[in-house]
Protein backbone atom coordinates (compact mmCIF):
# COMPACT_ATOMS: atom_id res chain seq x y z
CA MET A 1 -25.15 65.26 22.99
CA ARG A 2 -26.12 68.91 23.36
CA PHE A 3 -23.94 72.01 23.22
CA GLY A 4 -26.30 74.95 23.70
CA PRO A 5 -28.49 75.17 20.56
CA LEU A 6 -26.49 72.39 18.84
CA SER A 7 -27.56 68.72 19.17
CA LEU A 8 -25.55 65.74 17.95
CA LYS A 9 -26.33 62.04 17.63
CA SER A 10 -23.49 59.73 16.63
CA THR A 11 -23.26 56.06 15.71
CA ILE A 12 -20.09 54.02 15.23
CA ALA A 13 -20.44 50.64 13.53
CA LEU A 14 -17.90 47.97 12.73
CA SER A 15 -19.82 45.84 10.24
CA ASN A 16 -19.09 43.09 7.72
CA LEU A 17 -16.17 41.89 9.84
CA GLY A 18 -15.81 38.49 8.23
CA ILE A 19 -15.55 36.58 4.95
CA ASP A 20 -17.00 37.39 1.52
CA THR A 21 -16.95 34.16 -0.52
CA ASN A 22 -17.58 35.89 -3.87
CA VAL A 23 -15.86 39.27 -3.89
CA PHE A 24 -16.51 40.03 -7.58
CA ASN A 25 -19.93 38.32 -7.99
CA GLU A 26 -18.42 35.82 -10.43
CA ALA A 27 -20.21 32.83 -11.90
CA ASP A 28 -19.58 29.46 -10.23
CA ALA A 29 -17.75 28.23 -13.34
CA ASP A 30 -15.24 31.10 -12.99
CA ARG A 31 -14.15 29.94 -9.53
CA PRO A 32 -15.25 32.87 -7.32
CA GLN A 33 -12.59 34.32 -5.02
CA SER A 34 -13.07 34.98 -1.32
CA ASP A 35 -11.44 37.48 1.03
CA PHE A 36 -11.56 38.87 4.54
CA THR A 37 -13.46 42.17 4.62
CA MET A 38 -14.35 44.83 7.15
CA THR A 39 -16.39 48.06 7.05
CA PHE A 40 -16.00 50.83 9.64
CA THR A 41 -18.86 53.36 9.60
CA PRO A 42 -19.05 56.51 11.75
CA THR A 43 -22.25 58.56 11.32
CA THR A 44 -23.25 61.85 12.93
CA ASP A 45 -26.59 63.68 12.69
CA LEU A 46 -26.70 67.28 13.88
CA TRP A 47 -29.36 69.93 14.47
CA LEU A 48 -28.88 73.63 15.14
CA ARG A 49 -31.72 76.02 15.99
CA VAL A 50 -31.41 79.74 15.35
CA GLY A 51 -34.73 81.40 16.17
CA ARG A 52 -37.28 80.01 13.69
CA THR A 53 -34.54 78.58 11.52
CA TRP A 54 -33.39 74.96 11.79
CA ILE A 55 -30.14 73.74 10.28
CA SER A 56 -29.67 69.99 10.05
CA GLY A 57 -26.92 67.82 8.67
CA THR A 58 -25.65 64.27 8.30
CA ILE A 59 -22.08 63.06 7.98
CA HIS A 60 -21.77 59.41 6.94
CA VAL A 61 -18.52 57.64 6.02
CA ASP A 62 -17.78 54.01 5.11
CA TRP A 63 -14.22 52.76 5.21
CA VAL A 64 -14.22 49.44 3.36
CA TYR A 65 -11.25 47.11 3.73
CA TYR A 66 -10.32 43.91 1.87
CA ARG A 67 -7.18 42.04 2.92
CA ARG A 68 -6.10 40.53 -0.45
CA PHE A 69 -7.85 42.67 -3.05
CA ALA A 70 -6.65 46.21 -2.52
CA SER A 71 -8.62 47.32 -5.61
CA GLU A 72 -11.85 46.79 -3.65
CA ARG A 73 -10.88 49.03 -0.74
CA SER A 74 -12.61 52.40 -0.57
CA ALA A 75 -13.60 55.37 1.55
CA ASN A 76 -17.23 56.26 0.80
CA SER A 77 -18.67 59.54 2.07
CA ASN A 78 -22.18 60.96 2.12
CA TYR A 79 -22.87 64.50 3.34
CA ARG A 80 -26.25 66.19 3.67
CA VAL A 81 -27.19 69.68 4.90
CA GLY A 82 -30.68 71.15 5.16
CA VAL A 83 -32.16 74.50 6.18
CA SER A 84 -35.77 75.25 7.10
CA ARG A 85 -37.43 78.52 8.09
CA THR A 86 -41.00 78.82 9.37
CA PHE A 87 -43.31 81.82 9.37
CA ASN A 88 -46.95 81.99 10.45
CA ARG A 89 -48.36 79.90 7.60
CA LEU A 90 -45.36 79.62 5.34
CA ALA A 91 -42.31 77.36 5.52
CA LEU A 92 -39.21 77.46 3.33
CA LYS A 93 -36.94 74.42 3.05
CA GLY A 94 -33.78 73.64 1.13
CA GLY A 95 -31.03 71.09 1.10
CA ALA A 96 -27.92 69.80 -0.63
CA SER A 97 -26.15 66.45 -0.59
CA ARG A 98 -22.92 64.99 -1.95
CA LEU A 99 -22.16 61.29 -2.33
CA SER A 100 -18.74 59.92 -3.25
CA THR A 101 -18.68 56.14 -3.30
CA ARG A 102 -17.28 52.96 -4.83
CA ASP A 103 -20.27 50.85 -3.79
CA ARG A 104 -22.13 48.89 -6.44
CA PRO A 105 -24.82 51.21 -7.86
CA GLY A 106 -27.48 48.50 -7.86
CA PHE A 107 -28.21 44.84 -8.54
CA GLU A 108 -27.21 45.04 -12.21
CA ILE A 109 -23.59 46.27 -12.07
CA ASP A 110 -21.21 44.03 -10.12
CA ALA A 111 -18.14 46.29 -10.34
CA ARG A 112 -17.37 48.59 -7.43
CA SER A 113 -16.82 51.71 -9.55
CA GLN A 114 -16.17 55.23 -8.34
CA ARG A 115 -19.05 57.64 -8.85
CA MET A 116 -20.13 61.05 -7.59
CA GLU A 117 -23.70 62.20 -6.96
CA THR A 118 -24.65 65.76 -6.06
CA ALA A 119 -28.21 66.90 -5.42
CA PHE A 120 -30.08 70.08 -4.52
CA ASP A 121 -33.72 70.45 -3.49
CA GLY A 122 -36.06 73.18 -2.30
CA GLU A 123 -39.64 73.51 -1.12
CA VAL A 124 -42.16 76.25 -0.38
CA GLU A 125 -45.02 75.02 1.83
CA MET A 126 -48.21 76.88 2.81
CA ARG A 127 -50.63 75.83 5.54
CA THR A 128 -54.09 76.27 4.02
CA PHE A 129 -56.15 74.68 6.81
CA SER A 130 -55.36 73.64 10.36
CA LYS A 131 -53.94 70.27 9.26
CA THR A 132 -53.61 70.61 5.49
CA TYR A 133 -50.58 71.94 3.60
CA VAL A 134 -49.84 72.59 -0.07
CA SER A 135 -46.33 72.96 -1.43
CA ALA A 136 -44.19 73.29 -4.52
CA ARG A 137 -40.93 71.37 -4.74
CA ALA A 138 -37.95 71.32 -7.06
CA ARG A 139 -34.90 69.08 -7.23
CA ARG A 140 -31.79 68.65 -9.33
CA GLN A 141 -29.33 65.76 -9.32
CA ARG A 142 -26.11 64.95 -11.15
CA VAL A 143 -24.62 61.45 -11.45
CA GLU A 144 -21.04 61.06 -12.71
CA PHE A 145 -18.91 57.91 -12.95
CA ASP A 146 -15.14 58.00 -12.99
CA GLN A 147 -13.53 57.91 -16.43
CA ALA A 148 -11.83 54.62 -15.52
CA ALA A 149 -15.11 52.95 -14.45
CA VAL A 150 -15.63 49.99 -16.81
CA PHE A 151 -17.95 46.98 -16.50
CA ARG A 152 -18.18 44.18 -19.10
CA GLU A 153 -16.20 46.31 -21.58
CA ALA A 154 -18.66 49.22 -21.22
CA SER A 155 -17.63 52.67 -19.99
CA LEU A 156 -20.08 53.45 -17.18
CA GLY A 157 -19.43 57.17 -17.51
CA ARG A 158 -20.29 57.15 -21.20
CA GLU A 159 -23.42 55.09 -20.62
CA LEU A 160 -24.80 56.44 -17.34
CA ASN A 161 -23.54 59.99 -16.63
CA ARG A 162 -26.70 62.06 -16.42
CA ARG A 163 -28.59 65.09 -15.08
CA ILE A 164 -32.00 64.77 -13.43
CA SER A 165 -34.34 67.67 -12.70
CA GLY A 166 -37.91 67.72 -11.48
CA THR A 167 -40.73 69.85 -10.09
CA ALA A 168 -43.75 68.81 -8.07
CA PHE A 169 -47.02 69.94 -6.53
CA VAL A 170 -47.84 68.32 -3.17
CA VAL A 171 -50.88 68.27 -0.89
CA ARG A 172 -50.15 66.98 2.63
CA HIS A 173 -52.61 66.29 5.46
CA ARG A 174 -51.55 65.67 9.04
CA VAL A 175 -53.83 62.90 10.30
CA THR A 176 -52.17 62.73 13.72
CA PRO A 177 -49.05 64.40 15.19
CA LEU A 178 -47.13 61.28 14.09
CA THR A 179 -48.84 60.43 10.77
CA ASN A 180 -49.02 62.33 7.46
CA VAL A 181 -50.65 61.42 4.16
CA SER A 182 -49.87 63.22 0.92
CA LEU A 183 -50.56 63.32 -2.81
CA GLU A 184 -47.68 64.24 -5.11
CA VAL A 185 -47.55 65.07 -8.82
CA TRP A 186 -44.01 65.14 -10.26
CA ARG A 187 -42.63 66.12 -13.67
CA ASP A 188 -39.07 64.79 -14.21
CA HIS A 189 -36.51 65.27 -16.96
CA GLU A 190 -33.54 62.91 -17.32
CA ARG A 191 -30.71 63.87 -19.68
CA PHE A 192 -27.66 61.68 -20.37
CA VAL A 193 -24.38 63.41 -21.18
CA PHE A 194 -22.98 60.94 -23.74
CA SER A 195 -25.98 58.68 -24.49
CA PRO A 196 -28.81 60.97 -25.61
CA PHE A 197 -30.91 58.02 -26.83
CA ARG A 198 -31.62 57.36 -23.13
CA ASP A 199 -33.10 60.85 -22.52
CA SER A 200 -36.64 60.83 -21.18
CA ASP A 201 -39.44 62.80 -19.55
CA SER A 202 -41.66 61.34 -16.83
CA THR A 203 -44.89 62.23 -15.10
CA ARG A 204 -45.48 60.66 -11.69
CA ILE A 205 -48.57 60.62 -9.50
CA ALA A 206 -48.20 59.03 -6.07
CA GLY A 207 -50.00 58.81 -2.77
CA SER A 208 -47.87 58.27 0.31
CA VAL A 209 -48.09 57.91 4.06
CA ASN A 210 -45.37 58.82 6.55
CA PHE A 211 -45.07 57.58 10.13
CA GLN A 212 -42.75 59.43 12.51
CA PRO A 213 -40.14 57.45 14.52
CA LEU A 214 -42.18 57.57 17.74
CA ALA A 215 -45.22 55.96 16.07
CA LEU A 216 -46.04 52.27 16.51
CA ILE A 217 -45.41 51.85 12.77
CA ASN A 218 -42.32 53.65 11.53
CA GLY A 219 -41.30 54.60 7.99
CA ASP A 220 -42.81 55.54 4.63
CA ALA A 221 -44.98 53.92 1.99
CA SER A 222 -45.70 55.33 -1.46
CA PHE A 223 -47.76 53.90 -4.32
CA GLY A 224 -48.31 55.59 -7.65
CA TYR A 225 -48.30 55.65 -11.43
CA ARG A 226 -45.50 56.63 -13.80
CA ARG A 227 -45.73 57.70 -17.42
CA PHE A 228 -42.23 57.30 -18.86
CA THR A 229 -41.70 58.89 -22.29
CA PRO A 230 -38.30 58.40 -23.99
CA LEU A 231 -37.26 61.10 -26.45
CA ALA A 232 -35.78 58.51 -28.86
CA GLY A 233 -38.29 56.70 -31.03
CA ASP A 234 -36.57 53.30 -30.74
CA VAL A 235 -36.81 53.15 -26.93
CA PRO A 236 -40.14 51.73 -25.72
CA PRO A 237 -42.21 53.81 -23.27
CA TYR A 238 -43.58 52.63 -19.94
CA ARG A 239 -46.96 53.19 -18.34
CA GLY A 240 -47.53 51.49 -15.04
CA ALA A 241 -47.46 51.27 -11.28
CA THR A 242 -44.62 52.31 -8.99
CA ALA A 243 -43.97 51.68 -5.30
CA ALA A 244 -41.49 52.57 -2.58
CA VAL A 245 -42.10 51.05 0.86
CA GLY A 246 -39.94 50.97 3.96
CA LEU A 247 -41.92 50.15 7.11
CA SER A 248 -41.19 48.59 10.48
CA TYR A 249 -43.49 47.55 13.32
CA ASN A 250 -42.60 46.97 16.97
CA LEU A 251 -44.70 44.14 18.38
CA LEU A 252 -45.02 44.08 22.18
CA GLY A 253 -41.58 45.61 22.55
CA THR A 254 -39.82 42.29 21.83
CA THR A 255 -40.33 41.69 18.10
CA ARG A 256 -39.53 44.05 15.25
CA LEU A 257 -41.03 43.33 11.84
CA GLY A 258 -39.76 45.08 8.72
CA VAL A 259 -40.87 45.15 5.10
CA GLU A 260 -39.43 46.88 2.05
CA ALA A 261 -40.82 46.99 -1.48
CA THR A 262 -39.88 48.79 -4.67
CA ARG A 263 -41.13 49.03 -8.23
CA ASP A 264 -39.66 51.56 -10.66
CA LEU A 265 -37.53 51.99 -13.77
CA GLN A 266 -33.74 52.01 -13.58
CA PRO A 267 -31.29 52.92 -16.37
CA SER A 268 -29.14 50.05 -17.66
CA PHE A 269 -25.57 50.22 -18.94
CA GLU A 270 -26.61 47.96 -21.88
CA PRO A 271 -27.06 50.07 -25.08
CA THR A 272 -29.48 47.52 -26.56
CA GLN A 273 -31.56 47.36 -23.37
CA PRO A 274 -31.42 50.94 -22.04
CA TYR A 275 -33.51 50.43 -18.92
CA TYR A 276 -35.19 47.77 -16.79
CA LEU A 277 -38.16 47.56 -14.45
CA GLU A 278 -36.99 46.65 -10.96
CA THR A 279 -39.60 44.98 -8.74
CA GLY A 280 -38.64 43.73 -5.32
CA VAL A 281 -39.87 42.87 -1.87
CA SER A 282 -38.03 41.90 1.30
CA GLY A 283 -38.91 41.26 4.91
CA SER A 284 -37.15 40.82 8.23
CA VAL A 285 -37.97 39.63 11.75
CA GLN A 286 -35.85 40.50 14.78
CA ARG A 287 -36.93 39.06 18.12
CA GLN A 288 -35.57 39.39 21.64
CA VAL A 289 -35.41 35.79 22.87
CA TYR A 290 -33.91 36.09 26.35
CA GLY A 291 -32.67 39.17 28.17
CA PRO A 292 -30.15 40.98 25.95
CA PHE A 293 -30.07 38.19 23.28
CA ASP A 294 -31.92 38.56 19.98
CA VAL A 295 -32.20 36.62 16.72
CA LEU A 296 -32.71 37.88 13.18
CA ALA A 297 -34.04 36.41 9.93
CA ARG A 298 -34.47 38.21 6.59
CA THR A 299 -35.25 37.31 3.01
CA GLY A 300 -35.95 39.11 -0.26
CA VAL A 301 -36.31 38.81 -4.01
CA ARG A 302 -35.85 41.31 -6.86
CA ARG A 303 -36.75 40.99 -10.51
CA LEU A 304 -34.96 43.00 -13.21
CA ALA A 305 -37.14 43.01 -16.36
CA TYR A 306 -35.26 44.56 -19.28
CA ARG A 307 -36.87 46.49 -22.14
CA ASP A 308 -35.40 45.91 -25.60
CA ARG A 309 -34.44 48.77 -27.87
CA ILE A 310 -36.56 48.53 -31.00
CA GLY A 311 -34.61 47.09 -33.93
CA ALA A 312 -31.48 46.36 -31.87
CA ALA A 313 -29.66 43.03 -31.94
CA VAL A 314 -30.34 41.74 -28.41
CA LYS A 315 -28.61 38.67 -26.99
CA VAL A 316 -31.68 37.62 -24.99
CA SER A 317 -35.02 39.25 -25.74
CA ASN A 318 -37.41 40.04 -22.87
CA ARG A 319 -34.65 39.24 -20.40
CA ALA A 320 -35.49 39.02 -16.70
CA ASP A 321 -32.88 38.48 -13.95
CA LEU A 322 -33.79 37.36 -10.43
CA VAL A 323 -31.80 38.17 -7.29
CA ARG A 324 -32.67 36.24 -4.14
CA THR A 325 -31.28 36.95 -0.69
CA PHE A 326 -31.55 35.21 2.65
CA GLY A 327 -29.87 35.85 5.98
CA VAL A 328 -29.93 34.84 9.63
CA GLY A 329 -28.17 36.26 12.63
CA ALA A 330 -28.00 36.71 16.39
CA GLY A 331 -27.04 39.60 18.63
CA TYR A 332 -26.25 40.58 22.18
CA ARG A 333 -26.95 44.04 23.63
CA LEU A 334 -24.59 45.68 26.09
CA GLY A 335 -27.02 48.20 27.57
CA THR A 336 -29.14 50.43 25.35
CA ASP A 337 -26.38 51.86 23.17
CA LYS A 338 -24.14 48.92 22.19
CA ARG A 339 -24.82 45.72 20.24
CA ILE A 340 -22.63 42.83 19.08
CA GLY A 341 -24.03 40.68 16.29
CA PHE A 342 -23.20 37.76 13.99
CA THR A 343 -24.91 37.31 10.61
CA ILE A 344 -24.81 34.97 7.62
CA ASP A 345 -26.16 36.32 4.30
CA HIS A 346 -26.57 34.43 1.04
CA GLN A 347 -27.26 36.07 -2.33
CA LYS A 348 -27.95 34.41 -5.67
CA ARG A 349 -28.70 35.84 -9.11
CA THR A 350 -30.16 33.84 -11.97
CA SER A 351 -30.04 35.13 -15.54
CA SER A 352 -30.50 33.88 -19.09
CA VAL A 353 -27.28 35.69 -20.10
CA ASP A 354 -24.05 33.71 -19.84
CA GLY A 355 -21.73 34.87 -17.10
CA ARG A 356 -24.37 36.87 -15.26
CA GLN A 357 -25.32 34.14 -12.76
CA TYR A 358 -23.61 34.02 -9.41
CA SER A 359 -24.04 33.03 -5.79
CA GLY A 360 -22.14 34.17 -2.75
CA LEU A 361 -22.04 33.94 1.02
CA ARG A 362 -20.98 36.65 3.45
CA TYR A 363 -20.63 35.91 7.14
CA GLY A 364 -19.11 37.71 10.07
CA MET A 365 -19.73 39.90 13.09
CA SER A 366 -20.66 43.53 13.69
CA VAL A 367 -20.35 45.98 16.58
CA THR A 368 -22.57 49.08 16.88
CA TYR A 369 -22.28 51.92 19.40
CA GLU A 370 -24.60 54.92 19.68
CA THR A 371 -24.07 58.11 21.69
């Protein structure tokens, strides 16, 4: 939708309208509990042009409903605003975001705990050649859990509240109007408010490629190296590869292939195992089978390899948890802007720690409408 210089694109989705057979990710021996659940998600992207200045924004809200377990209901919001200004060879960019959510923060923590994330970023970019750009970037992020957020008798705020700041130097080359390659060198500092033994500095070097939405391949892929240096002497360092991939490919206009991959360090709420290396890969295939009907299949696996704190009494040394997912579904399109779908997703985690294994099934329908 357009109103003069203002453009809007909205999506309304009614997803997860069905049954969750393991609401709390409990072990099979603990008799997992099931419930009817529903998520209503309106999203709006907006763009406003004022001369050479572009203002963009995103408003994303999830209303999560559970029929029996009112404690799991939530209203999750994510707001993002960005400003960019171009000159002859110079471009200035900045942005801010605010996330307020009760979603699980990752594959490690099963509790839906309230947390707030605020972030600011800025960039100065100079065009040095016709297709080559150099830039300096800076970012700052704050992560705060609610005081009442507790998981396995650990206060998540005390363990994981932190400040993250970083600066980078970037060289970007535009190969085609729809494809960019870049080399980034980042220096990050992570400081924990109540757990200073987790503080660290990191140096990252990564090469990445970006494909614009109109390209045959869409998304981003980044591969690099991270040197992670904890400030505490009893926390082991890390030197190794990192990856962040999210790509999709449209084959002959009837089949969409997707792949995601990740490899990086994540902080853990466990004091004796302060972080873990998360490595994962997933793939999906969505194919139009007849007219407006389509089918979907997806699968993935993630490995959480924990690092032991030197000299600490650890329940399971060199622990590694595995999370496997698999899902199938079908959909029916009502024109180009509406889709009705039905999916079945299964997730299972295996662990050498008692009480950390679980399996669950979620099945139901979804309705999506785009303006």
